[in-house]
Amino acid sequence: MPYVLGLDIGNTGTAATVARRRGETWARPEAVALGGRSTVVPSVLHLEPDGSLTVGEPATDDHSRTTRDFVRRVGDDVPLLLGGEPCPPETLVAELAAWVVHRVAAHEDAFAEAVVLSHPAGWGPHRRDLLHRALWALDLRNVTLLPRTVTVAESHAARGFPGTTAAVYALGGNSFEAALVRRNARGRYETFGLPQGLETLGGTDFDEALAEHVRAALGRAVTGPAGGETYPGPLDLLAECDRVKRELTIGTETDVMLTLPDGPVRVPVTRAQFEDLIRPAVRATVDLLVRTVHSAGLTPAQLDGVLLAGGSARIPLVAELLAAALPVAVEVEPDPQLTAATGAALAACQVVSPRPRRPAPVPASAPVSDAGPAVPAWRHAEPHQPRYGEPPARPPVRITPLNLPKASRLVLARGRGRDREG
């Protein structure tokens, strides 16, 4: 069945949705389980000793063969080091995108007719061109890039948001974006004004604030007898705090449950306590959104609404402070972590031809070459941003290849990379 793919690769997590052709229309996008039963996989790549790349948190991490936060580094002149090899950040984003595309294709028995990949709203032509060329080097030639704020607006519009002008509030794992969108003459959203962002603030900061509260409550119990090993481990504590953070978006109280050398312990936490810990950070994001509105020459009352996205956008304090600062409706979807990917799939529906095209089946085993995998089902598009809603243009005759790490390109781009579950 013909389908399109929406992809959102964030600094900390990656999500994907597919929309399938139903006669003359497209069905509502559905989330893809990328990591076991989870619809979001960590945006983490690990280089194995055999040269293959795995997606997700590794079982062991020596910090030299694992890379994170590479999305924010796109455009940097200095490459990242992975296993001692220099690797451009845009190449890592393309590798992760290739893994998702092949994983979905294996499940659907066909490649997507079109792929829309969301990117930070503040990216200019240089960063977009870098990513386009990295995608081309992996034969991802039917990918349209759209600002994350635009895909967020498209998702909300499909759920009934009727507004023309809106502010987008995207609170991710370790970054925040604020931007304005409006409908253009073709009825599609576009970004206007100057997007703003905070690259050092997000849901992981909320986890750390809660972790500090737990450490203070436990006191010396978090340190071993000789002051050596710390209990619980930092990653275990942050993972538990992330679980508690999500529970407090629905309930008003819960427990942080840990295992210490002397046995299990519980640290009660109420929503009010948690909100007091994160209130200054959330207020900073709201203030930045208000400044973004004013910088475009608008007043908050001129907006039709505020559209939320990102896993931490479901925290009740976020909507509370936004409603107090802006006298307009605050819209949040049931799972805001999937909002950008859902909107990307909806946008992909507009990229393809009105007539459904029969995708070619995924080959059971295709030859591997240094040139990358052959993907006969994909339509070719030039490595520059096509206009949203129009078919991609034909490719140029010459393409300048990137110098990619050979092992990772061959293994991951062929869809043979492995994912970590949990």
Protein backbone atom coordinates (compact mmCIF):
# COMPACT_ATOMS: atom_id res chain seq x y z
CA MET A 1 0.00 0.00 0.00
CA PRO A 2 1.46 3.39 -0.93
CA TYR A 3 2.57 5.46 2.05
CA VAL A 4 4.58 8.51 3.00
CA LEU A 5 6.90 8.96 5.97
CA GLY A 6 7.21 11.83 8.43
CA LEU A 7 10.45 11.95 10.38
CA ASP A 8 11.48 14.09 13.34
CA ILE A 9 15.09 13.72 14.50
CA GLY A 10 15.56 15.73 17.66
CA ASN A 11 18.62 16.25 19.82
CA THR A 12 17.56 13.50 22.23
CA GLY A 13 14.88 11.44 20.47
CA THR A 14 13.73 10.37 17.03
CA ALA A 15 10.12 9.68 16.03
CA ALA A 16 8.48 8.64 12.77
CA THR A 17 4.92 8.35 11.45
CA VAL A 18 3.45 6.93 8.25
CA ALA A 19 0.34 7.99 6.34
CA ARG A 20 -1.18 5.42 3.98
CA ARG A 21 -3.20 6.00 0.86
CA ARG A 22 -6.90 5.16 1.33
CA GLY A 23 -8.51 5.46 -2.07
CA GLU A 24 -8.43 9.12 -3.03
CA THR A 25 -7.42 10.34 0.44
CA TRP A 26 -4.72 9.77 3.02
CA ALA A 27 -5.34 8.12 6.38
CA ARG A 28 -4.34 9.86 9.61
CA PRO A 29 -0.59 9.31 10.22
CA GLU A 30 0.27 6.47 12.58
CA ALA A 31 3.32 6.30 14.82
CA VAL A 32 6.03 3.75 14.00
CA ALA A 33 7.53 1.66 16.79
CA LEU A 34 11.24 2.32 16.31
CA GLY A 35 12.67 0.92 19.55
CA GLY A 36 10.86 -2.25 20.60
CA ARG A 37 7.44 -1.06 21.73
CA SER A 38 8.52 2.56 22.00
CA THR A 39 7.57 5.08 19.34
CA VAL A 40 10.65 7.17 20.15
CA VAL A 41 14.23 5.94 19.91
CA PRO A 42 17.15 7.87 21.43
CA SER A 43 19.05 9.97 18.89
CA VAL A 44 22.25 8.13 19.77
CA LEU A 45 24.68 6.30 17.49
CA HIS A 46 27.25 3.82 18.77
CA LEU A 47 30.14 2.44 16.73
CA GLU A 48 30.61 -1.27 17.43
CA PRO A 49 34.02 -2.98 17.32
CA ASP A 50 33.08 -4.64 14.02
CA GLY A 51 32.49 -1.22 12.44
CA SER A 52 28.70 -1.34 12.47
CA LEU A 53 26.53 1.40 13.92
CA THR A 54 23.78 0.73 16.41
CA VAL A 55 20.95 3.11 17.19
CA GLY A 56 20.06 3.84 20.81
CA GLU A 57 21.86 3.82 24.13
CA PRO A 58 24.65 1.20 24.22
CA ALA A 59 24.94 -1.37 27.01
CA THR A 60 28.45 -0.07 27.74
CA ASP A 61 29.78 3.33 26.81
CA ASP A 62 33.43 4.40 26.78
CA HIS A 63 32.38 7.85 25.43
CA SER A 64 34.67 7.55 22.41
CA ARG A 65 32.46 5.30 20.28
CA THR A 66 29.09 6.87 21.10
CA THR A 67 27.76 10.18 19.82
CA ARG A 68 24.80 12.28 20.94
CA ASP A 69 23.55 15.82 20.34
CA PHE A 70 24.82 15.80 16.76
CA VAL A 71 21.70 17.51 15.35
CA ARG A 72 22.58 20.81 16.98
CA ARG A 73 26.11 20.54 15.57
CA VAL A 74 25.02 20.56 11.91
CA GLY A 75 26.79 23.46 10.26
CA ASP A 76 29.87 23.31 12.47
CA ASP A 77 33.15 23.26 10.58
CA VAL A 78 34.74 20.90 13.11
CA PRO A 79 33.61 17.28 12.64
CA LEU A 80 32.73 14.97 15.50
CA LEU A 81 34.99 12.08 16.39
CA LEU A 82 33.42 8.64 16.49
CA GLY A 83 35.78 5.81 17.25
CA GLY A 84 38.67 8.07 16.32
CA GLU A 85 37.22 8.87 12.88
CA PRO A 86 36.10 12.41 11.97
CA CYS A 87 32.46 12.50 10.96
CA PRO A 88 30.44 15.58 9.93
CA PRO A 89 27.33 16.06 12.09
CA GLU A 90 25.06 16.18 9.05
CA THR A 91 26.35 12.74 8.08
CA LEU A 92 25.25 11.34 11.44
CA VAL A 93 21.79 12.84 11.01
CA ALA A 94 21.58 11.31 7.54
CA GLU A 95 22.74 7.93 8.89
CA LEU A 96 19.98 7.96 11.50
CA ALA A 97 17.43 9.01 8.90
CA ALA A 98 18.57 6.16 6.62
CA TRP A 99 18.16 3.69 9.48
CA VAL A 100 14.58 4.83 10.07
CA VAL A 101 13.70 4.80 6.36
CA HIS A 102 15.00 1.26 5.88
CA ARG A 103 13.44 0.02 9.11
CA VAL A 104 10.02 1.33 8.05
CA ALA A 105 10.50 -0.01 4.51
CA ALA A 106 11.24 -3.48 5.85
CA HIS A 107 8.00 -3.38 7.84
CA GLU A 108 5.91 -1.99 4.97
CA ASP A 109 7.57 -4.17 2.27
CA ALA A 110 8.14 -1.02 0.23
CA PHE A 111 9.90 2.30 0.38
CA ALA A 112 7.99 5.49 1.11
CA GLU A 113 6.83 7.56 -1.84
CA ALA A 114 8.00 10.69 -0.06
CA VAL A 115 9.77 11.56 3.17
CA VAL A 116 9.52 14.85 5.05
CA LEU A 117 12.16 15.46 7.70
CA SER A 118 11.66 18.25 10.22
CA HIS A 119 14.57 20.45 11.28
CA PRO A 120 15.06 23.30 13.78
CA ALA A 121 13.24 26.46 12.74
CA GLY A 122 16.42 28.53 12.99
CA TRP A 123 18.28 26.61 10.29
CA GLY A 124 19.24 28.64 7.25
CA PRO A 125 20.06 27.55 3.68
CA HIS A 126 23.61 26.49 4.60
CA ARG A 127 22.57 23.89 7.16
CA ARG A 128 19.71 22.63 5.04
CA ASP A 129 22.01 22.22 2.05
CA LEU A 130 24.55 20.32 4.15
CA LEU A 131 21.90 17.89 5.31
CA HIS A 132 20.41 17.50 1.83
CA ARG A 133 23.80 16.56 0.42
CA ALA A 134 24.45 14.10 3.25
CA LEU A 135 21.07 12.50 2.59
CA TRP A 136 21.86 12.29 -1.12
CA ALA A 137 25.12 10.54 -0.37
CA LEU A 138 23.05 7.78 1.26
CA ASP A 139 20.59 7.68 -1.66
CA LEU A 140 17.86 9.39 0.34
CA ARG A 141 16.71 11.42 -2.64
CA ASN A 142 13.03 11.97 -1.99
CA VAL A 143 13.43 13.84 1.29
CA THR A 144 11.89 17.27 1.78
CA LEU A 145 13.15 19.37 4.68
CA LEU A 146 10.68 21.53 6.60
CA PRO A 147 11.09 23.61 9.77
CA ARG A 148 9.86 21.75 12.83
CA THR A 149 7.54 24.63 13.66
CA VAL A 150 5.79 24.21 10.29
CA THR A 151 5.24 20.48 10.77
CA VAL A 152 3.94 21.16 14.28
CA ALA A 153 1.42 23.64 12.88
CA GLU A 154 0.32 21.19 10.17
CA SER A 155 -0.36 18.52 12.78
CA HIS A 156 -2.46 20.86 14.91
CA ALA A 157 -4.35 22.08 11.82
CA ALA A 158 -5.26 18.51 10.91
CA ARG A 159 -6.77 18.11 14.37
CA GLY A 160 -8.98 21.14 13.88
CA PHE A 161 -6.91 24.21 14.75
CA PRO A 162 -8.45 26.87 12.48
CA GLY A 163 -6.05 29.73 13.15
CA THR A 164 -4.09 31.72 10.60
CA THR A 165 -1.32 33.07 12.84
CA ALA A 166 0.11 31.09 15.74
CA ALA A 167 3.10 30.82 18.02
CA VAL A 168 4.83 27.44 18.21
CA TYR A 169 6.29 26.36 21.55
CA ALA A 170 8.52 23.28 21.10
CA LEU A 171 10.10 21.95 24.31
CA GLY A 172 12.38 19.01 23.62
CA GLY A 173 14.78 16.92 25.63
CA ASN A 174 17.56 19.48 25.82
CA SER A 175 16.44 22.36 23.62
CA PHE A 176 13.59 24.82 23.22
CA GLU A 177 12.27 26.52 20.08
CA ALA A 178 9.90 29.46 19.79
CA ALA A 179 8.67 30.66 16.41
CA LEU A 180 5.71 32.15 14.61
CA VAL A 181 3.80 30.54 11.75
CA ARG A 182 1.04 31.74 9.44
CA ARG A 183 -0.94 30.34 6.55
CA ASN A 184 0.27 31.41 3.13
CA ALA A 185 -1.74 31.94 -0.05
CA ARG A 186 -1.72 28.18 -0.72
CA GLY A 187 -3.22 27.44 2.68
CA ARG A 188 0.02 25.97 4.07
CA TYR A 189 1.93 27.17 7.08
CA GLU A 190 5.25 28.99 6.86
CA THR A 191 7.57 30.46 9.48
CA PHE A 192 7.88 34.23 9.75
CA GLY A 193 9.69 36.58 12.08
CA LEU A 194 12.89 35.53 13.83
CA PRO A 195 12.79 32.09 15.46
CA GLN A 196 14.33 31.96 18.94
CA GLY A 197 15.75 29.06 20.88
CA LEU A 198 17.52 27.81 23.96
CA GLU A 199 19.93 24.97 23.28
CA THR A 200 20.68 24.27 26.92
CA LEU A 201 17.20 23.87 28.35
CA GLY A 202 14.74 21.02 28.05
CA GLY A 203 13.18 18.00 29.68
CA THR A 204 16.52 16.53 30.74
CA ASP A 205 17.10 19.65 32.85
CA PHE A 206 13.82 18.95 34.61
CA ASP A 207 15.00 15.39 35.27
CA GLU A 208 18.24 16.71 36.74
CA ALA A 209 16.38 19.18 38.97
CA LEU A 210 14.28 16.34 40.33
CA ALA A 211 17.40 14.20 40.75
CA GLU A 212 19.02 16.93 42.87
CA HIS A 213 15.87 17.01 45.01
CA VAL A 214 16.12 13.26 45.51
CA ARG A 215 19.82 13.42 46.39
CA ALA A 216 19.09 16.10 48.96
CA ALA A 217 16.29 14.00 50.45
CA LEU A 218 18.46 10.89 50.69
CA GLY A 219 21.53 12.69 51.96
CA ARG A 220 24.45 10.35 52.62
CA ALA A 221 22.45 7.34 51.51
CA VAL A 222 23.49 7.98 47.90
CA THR A 223 27.17 7.35 48.60
CA GLY A 224 28.81 4.02 49.33
CA PRO A 225 30.45 3.23 52.70
CA ALA A 226 33.90 4.44 51.67
CA GLY A 227 32.64 7.45 49.78
CA GLY A 228 33.46 5.70 46.51
CA GLU A 229 30.70 4.35 44.30
CA THR A 230 27.54 6.39 44.18
CA TYR A 231 24.10 4.82 44.51
CA PRO A 232 22.01 4.83 42.48
CA GLY A 233 23.99 5.31 39.26
CA PRO A 234 23.49 8.70 37.58
CA LEU A 235 21.78 7.17 34.56
CA ASP A 236 19.49 5.02 36.71
CA LEU A 237 18.47 8.02 38.78
CA LEU A 238 17.80 10.22 35.75
CA ALA A 239 15.77 7.47 34.08
CA GLU A 240 13.64 7.12 37.21
CA CYS A 241 13.19 10.88 37.41
CA ASP A 242 12.06 10.91 33.79
CA ARG A 243 9.42 8.28 34.63
CA VAL A 244 8.24 10.32 37.62
CA LYS A 245 8.11 13.48 35.50
CA ARG A 246 5.79 11.76 33.04
CA GLU A 247 3.59 10.36 35.80
CA LEU A 248 3.19 13.80 37.33
CA THR A 249 1.75 15.14 34.10
CA ILE A 250 -1.36 13.09 34.94
CA GLY A 251 -1.25 12.45 38.68
CA THR A 252 -0.64 14.83 41.55
CA GLU A 253 1.81 12.68 43.51
CA THR A 254 4.02 9.64 43.07
CA ASP A 255 7.25 8.09 44.39
CA VAL A 256 10.80 8.02 43.11
CA MET A 257 11.74 4.35 43.63
CA LEU A 258 15.41 3.46 43.95
CA THR A 259 17.54 0.54 45.01
CA LEU A 260 20.37 1.40 47.42
CA PRO A 261 22.94 -0.89 49.10
CA ASP A 262 20.69 -1.14 52.14
CA GLY A 263 17.61 -1.98 50.10
CA PRO A 264 14.85 -0.22 48.14
CA VAL A 265 13.75 3.29 49.09
CA ARG A 266 10.91 5.58 48.06
CA VAL A 267 11.08 9.36 47.89
CA PRO A 268 7.58 10.88 47.69
CA VAL A 269 7.19 13.74 45.20
CA THR A 270 4.11 15.86 44.56
CA ARG A 271 3.32 17.74 41.39
CA ALA A 272 3.53 21.01 43.34
CA GLN A 273 7.06 20.15 44.52
CA PHE A 274 8.16 19.23 41.00
CA GLU A 275 6.66 22.38 39.52
CA ASP A 276 8.45 24.53 42.09
CA LEU A 277 11.73 22.95 40.99
CA ILE A 278 11.22 23.66 37.29
CA ARG A 279 9.19 26.89 37.42
CA PRO A 280 12.15 29.26 36.75
CA ALA A 281 13.17 27.26 33.66
CA VAL A 282 9.63 27.03 32.27
CA ARG A 283 9.11 30.74 32.88
CA ALA A 284 12.27 31.45 30.86
CA THR A 285 10.81 29.59 27.87
CA VAL A 286 7.50 31.46 28.14
CA ASP A 287 9.30 34.81 28.36
CA LEU A 288 11.30 33.95 25.24
CA LEU A 289 8.13 33.07 23.36
CA VAL A 290 6.57 36.40 24.31
CA ARG A 291 9.70 38.24 23.12
CA THR A 292 9.52 36.32 19.84
CA VAL A 293 5.97 37.60 19.33
CA HIS A 294 6.94 41.19 20.09
CA SER A 295 10.04 41.02 17.85
CA ALA A 296 7.74 40.30 14.89
CA GLY A 297 5.75 43.46 15.59
CA LEU A 298 2.77 41.59 17.01
CA THR A 299 1.01 41.58 20.34
CA PRO A 300 -0.01 38.31 22.00
CA ALA A 301 -3.68 39.17 21.42
CA GLN A 302 -3.07 39.09 17.64
CA LEU A 303 -2.27 35.38 17.76
CA ASP A 304 -4.91 32.75 17.10
CA GLY A 305 -3.27 30.30 19.47
CA VAL A 306 -0.11 28.74 20.88
CA LEU A 307 0.75 25.31 19.48
CA LEU A 308 2.75 22.99 21.73
CA ALA A 309 5.13 20.17 20.79
CA GLY A 310 7.82 18.10 22.47
CA GLY A 311 7.69 15.51 25.22
CA SER A 312 7.90 18.02 28.06
CA ALA A 313 5.12 20.18 26.61
CA ARG A 314 2.59 17.93 28.35
CA ILE A 315 3.69 19.21 31.79
CA PRO A 316 0.65 21.09 33.17
CA LEU A 317 2.79 24.00 34.38
CA VAL A 318 3.74 24.78 30.77
CA ALA A 319 0.14 25.37 29.68
CA GLU A 320 -0.58 27.23 32.91
CA LEU A 321 2.21 29.77 32.45
CA LEU A 322 1.52 30.16 28.73
CA ALA A 323 -2.16 30.84 29.36
CA ALA A 324 -1.23 33.46 31.95
CA ALA A 325 1.19 35.22 29.57
CA LEU A 326 -0.76 35.05 26.31
CA PRO A 327 -4.55 35.60 26.15
CA VAL A 328 -5.13 32.98 23.45
CA ALA A 329 -5.91 29.27 23.27
CA VAL A 330 -3.07 26.90 24.17
CA GLU A 331 -3.22 23.73 22.07
CA VAL A 332 -1.46 20.47 22.99
CA GLU A 333 -1.97 17.06 21.39
CA PRO A 334 -2.35 13.80 23.35
CA ASP A 335 1.26 12.85 22.62
CA PRO A 336 3.19 16.05 21.82
CA GLN A 337 6.36 14.04 21.37
CA LEU A 338 4.89 12.82 18.05
CA THR A 339 3.43 16.14 16.90
CA ALA A 340 6.33 17.16 14.66
CA ALA A 341 6.61 13.72 13.03
CA THR A 342 2.84 13.59 12.48
CA GLY A 343 2.87 16.99 10.81
CA ALA A 344 5.81 15.90 8.67
CA ALA A 345 3.82 12.92 7.37
CA LEU A 346 0.85 15.20 6.64
CA ALA A 347 3.17 17.50 4.70
CA ALA A 348 4.56 14.50 2.80
CA CYS A 349 1.03 13.75 1.59
CA GLN A 350 1.15 17.11 -0.21
CA VAL A 351 4.51 16.38 -1.81
CA VAL A 352 3.52 13.25 -3.72
CA SER A 353 1.51 13.11 -6.91
CA PRO A 354 -2.28 13.05 -6.42
CA ARG A 355 -2.32 9.61 -7.99
CA PRO A 356 -0.96 6.81 -5.78
CA ARG A 357 2.18 5.26 -7.15
CA ARG A 358 3.03 1.64 -6.69
CA PRO A 359 6.27 1.43 -4.68
CA ALA A 360 8.82 -1.15 -5.57
CA PRO A 361 9.29 -4.00 -3.10
CA VAL A 362 12.23 -3.96 -0.75
CA PRO A 363 14.85 -6.38 -2.05
CA ALA A 364 15.54 -9.31 0.25
CA SER A 365 19.26 -8.82 -0.18
CA ALA A 366 20.86 -6.11 -2.24
CA PRO A 367 24.53 -5.87 -3.13
CA VAL A 368 26.55 -3.52 -0.97
CA SER A 369 28.86 -1.04 -2.65
CA ASP A 370 30.77 2.06 -1.65
CA ALA A 371 28.26 4.09 -3.62
CA GLY A 372 25.51 3.20 -1.13
CA PRO A 373 22.31 1.19 -1.58
CA ALA A 374 20.25 1.27 -4.72
CA VAL A 375 16.72 2.41 -3.93
CA PRO A 376 14.69 1.99 -7.11
CA ALA A 377 11.39 2.98 -5.50
CA TRP A 378 12.47 6.47 -4.56
CA ARG A 379 11.87 9.41 -6.84
CA HIS A 380 14.90 11.60 -7.33
CA ALA A 381 14.93 15.18 -6.12
CA GLU A 382 17.68 17.75 -6.23
CA PRO A 383 19.68 18.26 -3.02
CA HIS A 384 18.15 21.67 -2.45
CA GLN A 385 14.91 22.50 -0.69
CA PRO A 386 11.90 21.93 -2.98
CA ARG A 387 8.93 24.21 -2.53
CA TYR A 388 6.45 22.77 -0.09
CA GLY A 389 3.46 21.24 -1.84
CA GLU A 390 5.19 20.92 -5.24
CA PRO A 391 6.86 17.85 -6.77
CA PRO A 392 10.64 17.82 -6.26
CA ALA A 393 12.70 19.00 -9.20
CA ARG A 394 14.98 16.77 -11.22
CA PRO A 395 18.48 16.22 -9.84
CA PRO A 396 21.60 17.94 -11.11
CA VAL A 397 23.96 15.90 -13.23
CA ARG A 398 26.90 16.04 -10.84
CA ILE A 399 26.95 15.39 -7.12
CA THR A 400 29.93 16.05 -4.91
CA PRO A 401 30.22 13.02 -2.58
CA LEU A 402 30.95 13.38 1.12
CA ASN A 403 33.88 11.67 2.76
CA LEU A 404 31.95 9.30 4.97
CA PRO A 405 33.23 6.71 7.45
CA LYS A 406 33.08 3.61 5.24
CA ALA A 407 31.97 1.05 7.82
CA SER A 408 29.12 3.09 9.19
CA ARG A 409 27.89 4.11 5.75
CA LEU A 410 27.77 0.58 4.45
CA VAL A 411 26.21 -1.05 7.48
CA LEU A 412 23.70 1.51 8.66
CA ALA A 413 22.60 2.82 5.29
CA ARG A 414 21.86 -0.74 4.19
CA GLY A 415 19.36 -0.97 7.01
CA ARG A 416 21.44 -3.60 8.80
CA GLY A 417 22.21 -1.39 11.80
CA ARG A 418 20.79 -2.65 15.09
CA ASP A 419 18.74 -0.72 17.59
CA ARG A 420 18.95 -0.73 21.36
CA GLU A 421 15.69 -1.41 23.16
CA GLY A 422 15.72 0.34 26.52
